[in-house]
Amino acid sequence: MMLNNRKWVSAGLGLALLVMALPLYGASAAPATGAGALTLEQVAKEIEGKKPSPFYLEWKETSTFENGTSKVVSYKQWEDVPNARYRSEVNYDGSDKTMSTSIINGDDGVFITEGKTSKVKLNGMEWDGFSKMSKRELKALLEYNEAPVFKGEETLLGRTAYHLSGASKPLNRKFTDAEGIERVEKGIAPAREQWFDKETGILLKETTTDPRGGSSESIVTSVDFTPVFGCDTFRFEASTGGTAAIKVTIDGAAQSFEQPPVIVEGSTLVPLRAIFEKLGATIDWNEKEQSVTAKKGTTTVYLKIGDTNATVGGSAKTLEVPAQIVNGHTMVPVRFIGEALGAEVKWEPSSQTVVITNK
């Protein structure tokens, strides 16, 4: 379904900047040299005019701070803008484990981060993905940097790219504080180098250098502009678990839960409180710690949201995936039920049923 005439919503990606309403081509520009060379204005208009098409890419953002420390964030992006379908996976500091996932399919979205899952309705607004972010970064260079210039064509990832550059520039932002006093916040736009894919207008690389110290590099490491998306790429159930078909029985009795089981990273997660209470345990939730303490007889179970480590009767246990909150319910891997309370847990694949027997 094509989605037209929508407003854009920011995805909060690492390169996103606050862009003020200034004329797009108001900055001074120096043309590239050579007979018949394109000007900055021509290149910018060409990039702006590119219609987004489906793609898959991987990119990495490295930020180096004034104190010499650095942070690396890696992304995987699937985009099918004509059909309003987006997927983003993020990990930090070289970890191979996905730390957060965002999926948008039309007007619906789901976000999984730090063990918590939430669903949203866009209510007529469009998602702001990587292709839109690319144009926003171009606009930032044109508006905020000193003497932006088109430096010519170069090759990145075997593709022809437009190279743009802009020097750092002082920026003063006027605002009125909570007491009604007008103030001026002094800042500076870092120097930028940008490389845009000539064919698609996608930002392939950007470097920034702050004269006060600090720098960043955002670079696409892999890209496919003719992707074949899998059937699960934009399907919520593939990440949050399309789990209505998964059934649970306790001592032979079928169970019904407000939050049904979900599948996360190949593991079946079940609602902790509902099942623990059925097995005779009491549950205490610590909002500040985001932790759960369960007691049954002389056995005490302790775990925290987003952590794979738990303790059972004073012994350390490791969960297959972290405990997490899904629609307000604490979910844990089904195998943990047996380890925690001594119940027997079996999986019957033919009937998609978790069979729990209370010993």
Protein backbone atom coordinates (compact mmCIF):
# COMPACT_ATOMS: atom_id res chain seq x y z
CA MET A 1 0.00 0.00 0.00
CA MET A 2 1.42 3.33 -1.05
CA LEU A 3 1.35 5.95 1.70
CA ASN A 4 1.22 9.51 0.49
CA ASN A 5 0.82 13.00 1.98
CA ARG A 6 2.22 12.03 5.38
CA LYS A 7 4.38 13.95 7.81
CA TRP A 8 7.81 12.59 8.61
CA VAL A 9 8.68 11.31 12.10
CA SER A 10 12.31 11.14 13.24
CA ALA A 11 13.70 7.65 13.86
CA GLY A 12 16.28 9.07 16.24
CA LEU A 13 19.21 7.70 14.23
CA GLY A 14 22.75 8.54 15.23
CA LEU A 15 23.33 11.22 12.56
CA ALA A 16 20.06 13.11 13.14
CA LEU A 17 20.42 16.88 13.64
CA LEU A 18 18.04 19.61 14.65
CA VAL A 19 17.48 21.50 11.38
CA MET A 20 16.13 25.04 11.50
CA ALA A 21 13.95 26.48 8.78
CA LEU A 22 16.50 28.29 6.62
CA PRO A 23 16.66 28.48 2.79
CA LEU A 24 18.18 25.29 1.42
CA TYR A 25 20.53 26.99 -1.00
CA GLY A 26 21.17 30.22 0.89
CA ALA A 27 24.79 29.34 1.75
CA SER A 28 27.63 30.50 -0.46
CA ALA A 29 29.00 27.76 -2.69
CA ALA A 30 32.15 27.23 -4.70
CA PRO A 31 31.88 25.18 -7.90
CA ALA A 32 34.10 22.23 -8.74
CA THR A 33 36.76 23.11 -11.29
CA GLY A 34 36.97 21.78 -14.81
CA ALA A 35 35.04 22.26 -18.03
CA GLY A 36 31.39 21.34 -17.68
CA ALA A 37 31.76 20.60 -13.96
CA LEU A 38 28.60 20.48 -11.88
CA THR A 39 28.04 23.16 -9.27
CA LEU A 40 27.13 22.52 -5.65
CA GLU A 41 23.59 23.77 -6.33
CA GLN A 42 23.15 21.31 -9.21
CA VAL A 43 24.44 18.38 -7.18
CA ALA A 44 22.31 19.28 -4.16
CA LYS A 45 19.16 19.57 -6.27
CA GLU A 46 19.95 16.25 -7.92
CA ILE A 47 20.33 14.51 -4.56
CA GLU A 48 17.16 16.16 -3.21
CA GLY A 49 15.24 15.00 -6.28
CA LYS A 50 16.12 11.32 -5.88
CA LYS A 51 13.07 9.19 -5.15
CA PRO A 52 13.74 6.60 -2.42
CA SER A 53 13.84 3.00 -3.57
CA PRO A 54 14.20 -0.26 -1.59
CA PHE A 55 17.64 -1.07 -0.17
CA TYR A 56 19.55 -2.91 2.54
CA LEU A 57 22.70 -1.46 4.05
CA GLU A 58 25.02 -1.74 7.02
CA TRP A 59 26.75 1.28 8.48
CA LYS A 60 28.92 2.20 11.42
CA GLU A 61 29.21 5.42 13.39
CA THR A 62 32.38 6.11 15.39
CA SER A 63 32.39 9.11 17.72
CA THR A 64 35.61 10.32 19.35
CA PHE A 65 35.20 12.72 22.25
CA GLU A 66 37.39 15.53 23.55
CA ASN A 67 38.79 13.32 26.32
CA GLY A 68 40.00 10.75 23.80
CA THR A 69 37.33 8.12 24.49
CA SER A 70 35.24 6.77 21.64
CA LYS A 71 31.96 5.02 21.01
CA VAL A 72 31.00 2.78 18.10
CA VAL A 73 27.42 2.15 17.03
CA SER A 74 26.63 -0.28 14.20
CA TYR A 75 23.38 -0.38 12.24
CA LYS A 76 21.60 -2.65 9.81
CA GLN A 77 18.88 -0.95 7.78
CA TRP A 78 16.17 -2.45 5.59
CA GLU A 79 14.01 0.12 3.78
CA ASP A 80 11.08 -0.20 1.42
CA VAL A 81 9.94 3.42 1.41
CA PRO A 82 7.35 3.13 -1.40
CA ASN A 83 5.46 0.63 0.78
CA ALA A 84 6.26 2.33 4.12
CA ARG A 85 8.23 -0.64 5.48
CA TYR A 86 11.36 -0.15 7.57
CA ARG A 87 13.57 -2.23 9.83
CA SER A 88 16.61 -1.18 11.86
CA GLU A 89 18.89 -3.21 14.12
CA VAL A 90 21.50 -1.60 16.37
CA ASN A 91 24.46 -2.85 18.38
CA TYR A 92 27.07 -0.96 20.36
CA ASP A 93 30.86 -1.00 20.72
CA GLY A 94 31.52 -3.95 18.47
CA SER A 95 29.03 -6.31 20.07
CA ASP A 96 27.64 -8.95 17.72
CA LYS A 97 24.37 -9.00 19.66
CA THR A 98 21.46 -6.86 18.47
CA MET A 99 20.63 -4.43 21.26
CA SER A 100 17.55 -2.82 19.75
CA THR A 101 15.22 -3.46 16.82
CA SER A 102 12.67 -1.16 15.19
CA ILE A 103 10.13 -2.37 12.64
CA ILE A 104 7.63 -0.16 10.83
CA ASN A 105 5.00 -1.64 8.55
CA GLY A 106 2.53 0.92 7.27
CA ASP A 107 0.86 2.63 10.20
CA ASP A 108 2.09 0.14 12.81
CA GLY A 109 5.42 -0.15 14.56
CA VAL A 110 7.17 -2.22 17.18
CA PHE A 111 10.30 -1.35 19.16
CA ILE A 112 12.42 -3.82 21.11
CA THR A 113 15.17 -2.33 23.24
CA GLU A 114 16.91 -3.26 26.49
CA GLY A 115 14.56 -6.15 27.05
CA LYS A 116 11.39 -4.12 26.58
CA THR A 117 8.92 -4.39 23.71
CA SER A 118 6.41 -1.71 22.81
CA LYS A 119 3.98 -1.26 19.96
CA VAL A 120 2.99 2.07 18.42
CA LYS A 121 0.52 3.52 15.95
CA LEU A 122 1.91 6.20 13.65
CA ASN A 123 -1.55 7.70 13.20
CA GLY A 124 -0.95 9.01 9.72
CA MET A 125 2.70 9.98 10.13
CA GLU A 126 5.56 8.56 8.11
CA TRP A 127 8.75 7.07 9.49
CA ASP A 128 12.03 8.89 8.98
CA GLY A 129 14.53 6.32 7.77
CA PHE A 130 18.06 6.39 6.37
CA SER A 131 17.10 7.80 2.96
CA LYS A 132 15.37 10.78 4.55
CA MET A 133 18.24 11.21 6.99
CA SER A 134 20.67 11.40 4.05
CA LYS A 135 18.87 14.45 2.68
CA ARG A 136 18.68 16.01 6.11
CA GLU A 137 22.46 15.75 6.47
CA LEU A 138 22.90 17.44 3.11
CA LYS A 139 20.64 20.26 4.25
CA ALA A 140 22.63 20.63 7.46
CA LEU A 141 25.88 21.07 5.54
CA LEU A 142 24.37 23.65 3.20
CA GLU A 143 22.81 25.68 5.99
CA TYR A 144 25.27 25.47 8.86
CA ASN A 145 28.74 25.07 7.37
CA GLU A 146 31.03 27.78 6.05
CA ALA A 147 31.73 27.87 2.28
CA PRO A 148 30.23 24.49 1.30
CA VAL A 149 31.71 23.13 -1.90
CA PHE A 150 31.27 20.24 -4.34
CA LYS A 151 34.68 18.61 -4.67
CA GLY A 152 33.94 16.18 -7.48
CA GLU A 153 33.18 12.50 -7.97
CA GLU A 154 34.94 9.65 -6.16
CA THR A 155 34.43 5.90 -5.80
CA LEU A 156 33.14 4.27 -2.59
CA LEU A 157 32.07 0.62 -2.33
CA GLY A 158 32.57 0.37 -6.08
CA ARG A 159 29.98 3.10 -6.66
CA THR A 160 30.29 6.67 -7.92
CA ALA A 161 29.81 9.19 -5.13
CA TYR A 162 29.49 12.97 -4.98
CA HIS A 163 31.96 14.47 -2.51
CA LEU A 164 30.82 17.60 -0.65
CA SER A 165 32.70 19.59 2.00
CA GLY A 166 32.07 22.45 4.42
CA ALA A 167 34.21 24.29 6.98
CA SER A 168 33.27 24.77 10.62
CA LYS A 169 31.19 27.81 11.50
CA PRO A 170 30.08 29.52 14.74
CA LEU A 171 26.37 29.18 15.43
CA ASN A 172 24.34 31.28 17.84
CA ARG A 173 20.88 30.09 18.81
CA LYS A 174 18.46 32.57 20.34
CA PHE A 175 15.77 31.25 22.68
CA THR A 176 13.54 32.30 25.56
CA ASP A 177 14.04 30.41 28.81
CA ALA A 178 11.38 29.28 31.27
CA GLU A 179 11.48 32.66 33.03
CA GLY A 180 10.80 34.55 29.81
CA ILE A 181 14.36 35.85 29.47
CA GLU A 182 15.85 35.89 25.96
CA ARG A 183 19.20 34.14 25.83
CA VAL A 184 21.83 33.24 23.24
CA GLU A 185 23.42 29.82 23.16
CA LYS A 186 26.80 29.84 21.44
CA GLY A 187 27.80 26.79 19.48
CA ILE A 188 29.78 25.71 16.48
CA ALA A 189 29.05 23.60 13.42
CA PRO A 190 31.83 21.04 12.92
CA ALA A 191 33.65 20.82 9.62
CA ARG A 192 32.05 18.16 7.39
CA GLU A 193 32.97 15.90 4.52
CA GLN A 194 30.12 14.02 2.85
CA TRP A 195 29.90 11.42 0.09
CA PHE A 196 26.50 10.72 -1.54
CA ASP A 197 25.76 7.84 -3.88
CA LYS A 198 25.28 9.38 -7.31
CA GLU A 199 22.58 6.97 -8.41
CA THR A 200 20.37 6.93 -5.29
CA GLY A 201 21.34 10.00 -3.24
CA ILE A 202 22.06 7.84 -0.18
CA LEU A 203 24.76 9.16 2.19
CA LEU A 204 27.62 6.66 2.00
CA LYS A 205 30.05 8.43 4.30
CA GLU A 206 30.29 11.51 6.52
CA THR A 207 33.13 12.78 8.70
CA THR A 208 32.94 15.69 11.13
CA THR A 209 35.70 17.53 12.96
CA ASP A 210 34.97 19.88 15.84
CA PRO A 211 37.71 22.55 16.25
CA ARG A 212 37.16 22.36 20.02
CA GLY A 213 38.07 18.67 19.96
CA GLY A 214 36.23 15.52 18.99
CA SER A 215 35.27 13.99 15.67
CA SER A 216 33.00 11.42 14.10
CA GLU A 217 32.86 9.12 11.12
CA SER A 218 29.72 7.49 9.76
CA ILE A 219 30.34 5.07 6.92
CA VAL A 220 28.29 2.54 4.99
CA THR A 221 30.20 -0.74 4.95
CA SER A 222 27.81 -2.81 2.83
CA VAL A 223 24.90 -1.90 0.58
CA ASP A 224 22.42 -3.64 -1.73
CA PHE A 225 20.15 -1.43 -3.84
CA THR A 226 18.34 -4.42 -5.40
CA PRO A 227 17.44 -6.37 -2.26
CA VAL A 228 15.17 -9.38 -2.07
CA PHE A 229 13.43 -9.00 1.27
CA GLY A 230 12.56 -12.17 3.16
CA CYS A 231 8.98 -12.89 4.19
CA ASP A 232 9.88 -12.12 7.84
CA THR A 233 11.91 -8.94 7.28
CA PHE A 234 9.08 -6.53 8.13
CA ARG A 235 6.87 -8.95 10.02
CA PHE A 236 6.44 -8.08 13.71
CA GLU A 237 5.94 -11.71 14.65
CA ALA A 238 9.44 -12.57 13.45
CA SER A 239 10.88 -10.34 16.20
CA THR A 240 8.22 -10.15 18.87
CA GLY A 241 7.02 -13.66 18.21
CA GLY A 242 3.85 -14.37 16.32
CA THR A 243 2.80 -16.41 19.22
CA ALA A 244 -0.96 -16.78 19.37
CA ALA A 245 -0.47 -20.36 18.17
CA ILE A 246 1.82 -21.25 21.07
CA LYS A 247 -0.14 -22.93 23.85
CA VAL A 248 0.79 -23.62 27.48
CA THR A 249 -0.52 -26.37 29.75
CA ILE A 250 0.20 -26.76 33.48
CA ASP A 251 -0.46 -30.19 34.94
CA GLY A 252 -2.60 -30.97 31.90
CA ALA A 253 -4.78 -27.85 32.10
CA ALA A 254 -4.70 -25.39 29.20
CA GLN A 255 -3.68 -21.89 30.26
CA SER A 256 -4.84 -18.50 28.99
CA PHE A 257 -2.68 -15.43 29.56
CA GLU A 258 -3.29 -11.72 29.09
CA GLN A 259 0.12 -11.64 27.38
CA PRO A 260 0.65 -14.80 25.30
CA PRO A 261 4.13 -16.35 24.85
CA VAL A 262 6.49 -14.64 22.43
CA ILE A 263 9.54 -15.77 20.50
CA VAL A 264 12.71 -13.68 20.83
CA GLU A 265 15.97 -14.69 19.12
CA GLY A 266 14.66 -18.23 18.74
CA SER A 267 13.69 -18.66 22.41
CA THR A 268 10.11 -18.99 23.64
CA LEU A 269 9.38 -16.47 26.38
CA VAL A 270 6.44 -16.90 28.77
CA PRO A 271 4.82 -14.55 31.32
CA LEU A 272 6.70 -15.05 34.58
CA ARG A 273 4.09 -13.88 37.09
CA ALA A 274 1.17 -15.80 35.64
CA ILE A 275 3.05 -19.09 35.48
CA PHE A 276 4.98 -18.70 38.74
CA GLU A 277 1.78 -17.97 40.64
CA LYS A 278 0.13 -21.02 39.05
CA LEU A 279 3.05 -23.05 40.39
CA GLY A 280 2.56 -21.69 43.90
CA ALA A 281 5.20 -18.95 44.02
CA THR A 282 4.78 -15.38 45.28
CA ILE A 283 6.11 -12.48 43.20
CA ASP A 284 7.61 -9.16 44.29
CA TRP A 285 8.35 -6.48 41.66
CA ASN A 286 10.97 -3.78 42.34
CA GLU A 287 10.21 -0.85 40.06
CA LYS A 288 13.43 1.03 40.88
CA GLU A 289 15.68 -1.96 40.18
CA GLN A 290 13.45 -3.32 37.43
CA SER A 291 13.83 -6.68 39.14
CA VAL A 292 11.65 -9.62 40.19
CA THR A 293 11.97 -11.71 43.34
CA ALA A 294 9.92 -14.91 43.46
CA LYS A 295 9.59 -17.26 46.44
CA LYS A 296 8.27 -20.79 46.69
CA GLY A 297 8.91 -22.65 49.89
CA THR A 298 12.59 -22.29 50.70
CA THR A 299 13.55 -21.32 47.14
CA THR A 300 14.12 -17.68 46.21
CA VAL A 301 14.49 -16.59 42.58
CA TYR A 302 15.94 -13.20 41.59
CA LEU A 303 16.36 -11.66 38.14
CA LYS A 304 16.54 -8.22 36.49
CA ILE A 305 15.04 -6.99 33.25
CA GLY A 306 17.57 -6.90 30.43
CA ASP A 307 20.00 -9.22 32.23
CA THR A 308 20.76 -12.84 31.36
CA ASN A 309 22.05 -13.48 34.88
CA ALA A 310 19.70 -14.74 37.59
CA THR A 311 19.99 -16.49 40.95
CA VAL A 312 17.96 -19.49 42.10
CA GLY A 313 18.34 -20.55 45.72
CA GLY A 314 21.63 -18.65 45.86
CA SER A 315 23.04 -20.35 42.75
CA ALA A 316 23.84 -18.40 39.60
CA LYS A 317 21.84 -19.22 36.48
CA THR A 318 22.17 -17.93 32.92
CA LEU A 319 19.11 -17.24 30.79
CA GLU A 320 19.15 -17.93 27.04
CA VAL A 321 17.95 -14.38 26.41
CA PRO A 322 17.42 -11.58 28.95
CA ALA A 323 14.22 -11.25 30.91
CA GLN A 324 12.21 -8.51 29.25
CA ILE A 325 8.98 -6.57 29.47
CA VAL A 326 6.43 -7.13 26.71
CA ASN A 327 3.28 -5.01 26.87
CA GLY A 328 3.78 -4.51 30.60
CA HIS A 329 4.45 -8.19 31.42
CA THR A 330 7.78 -9.69 32.52
CA MET A 331 8.72 -12.48 30.12
CA VAL A 332 11.39 -15.16 30.66
CA PRO A 333 12.64 -18.13 28.63
CA VAL A 334 10.40 -21.14 29.24
CA ARG A 335 13.37 -23.34 30.21
CA PHE A 336 14.01 -21.03 33.15
CA ILE A 337 10.69 -22.13 34.67
CA GLY A 338 12.09 -25.59 35.27
CA GLU A 339 15.44 -24.31 36.60
CA ALA A 340 13.73 -21.83 38.91
CA LEU A 341 10.98 -23.87 40.52
CA GLY A 342 11.90 -27.43 39.74
CA ALA A 343 9.02 -27.94 37.31
CA GLU A 344 9.35 -30.26 34.33
CA VAL A 345 9.09 -28.35 31.06
CA LYS A 346 8.65 -29.99 27.67
CA TRP A 347 8.06 -28.64 24.20
CA GLU A 348 5.70 -30.43 21.83
CA PRO A 349 6.51 -29.09 18.36
CA SER A 350 3.63 -30.83 16.59
CA SER A 351 1.03 -28.97 18.65
CA GLN A 352 3.17 -25.88 19.42
CA THR A 353 2.59 -26.47 23.13
CA VAL A 354 4.70 -25.80 26.21
CA VAL A 355 3.91 -28.58 28.67
CA ILE A 356 4.69 -27.75 32.31
CA THR A 357 4.38 -30.35 35.05
CA ASN A 358 4.60 -29.17 38.65
CA LYS A 359 6.75 -31.63 40.59
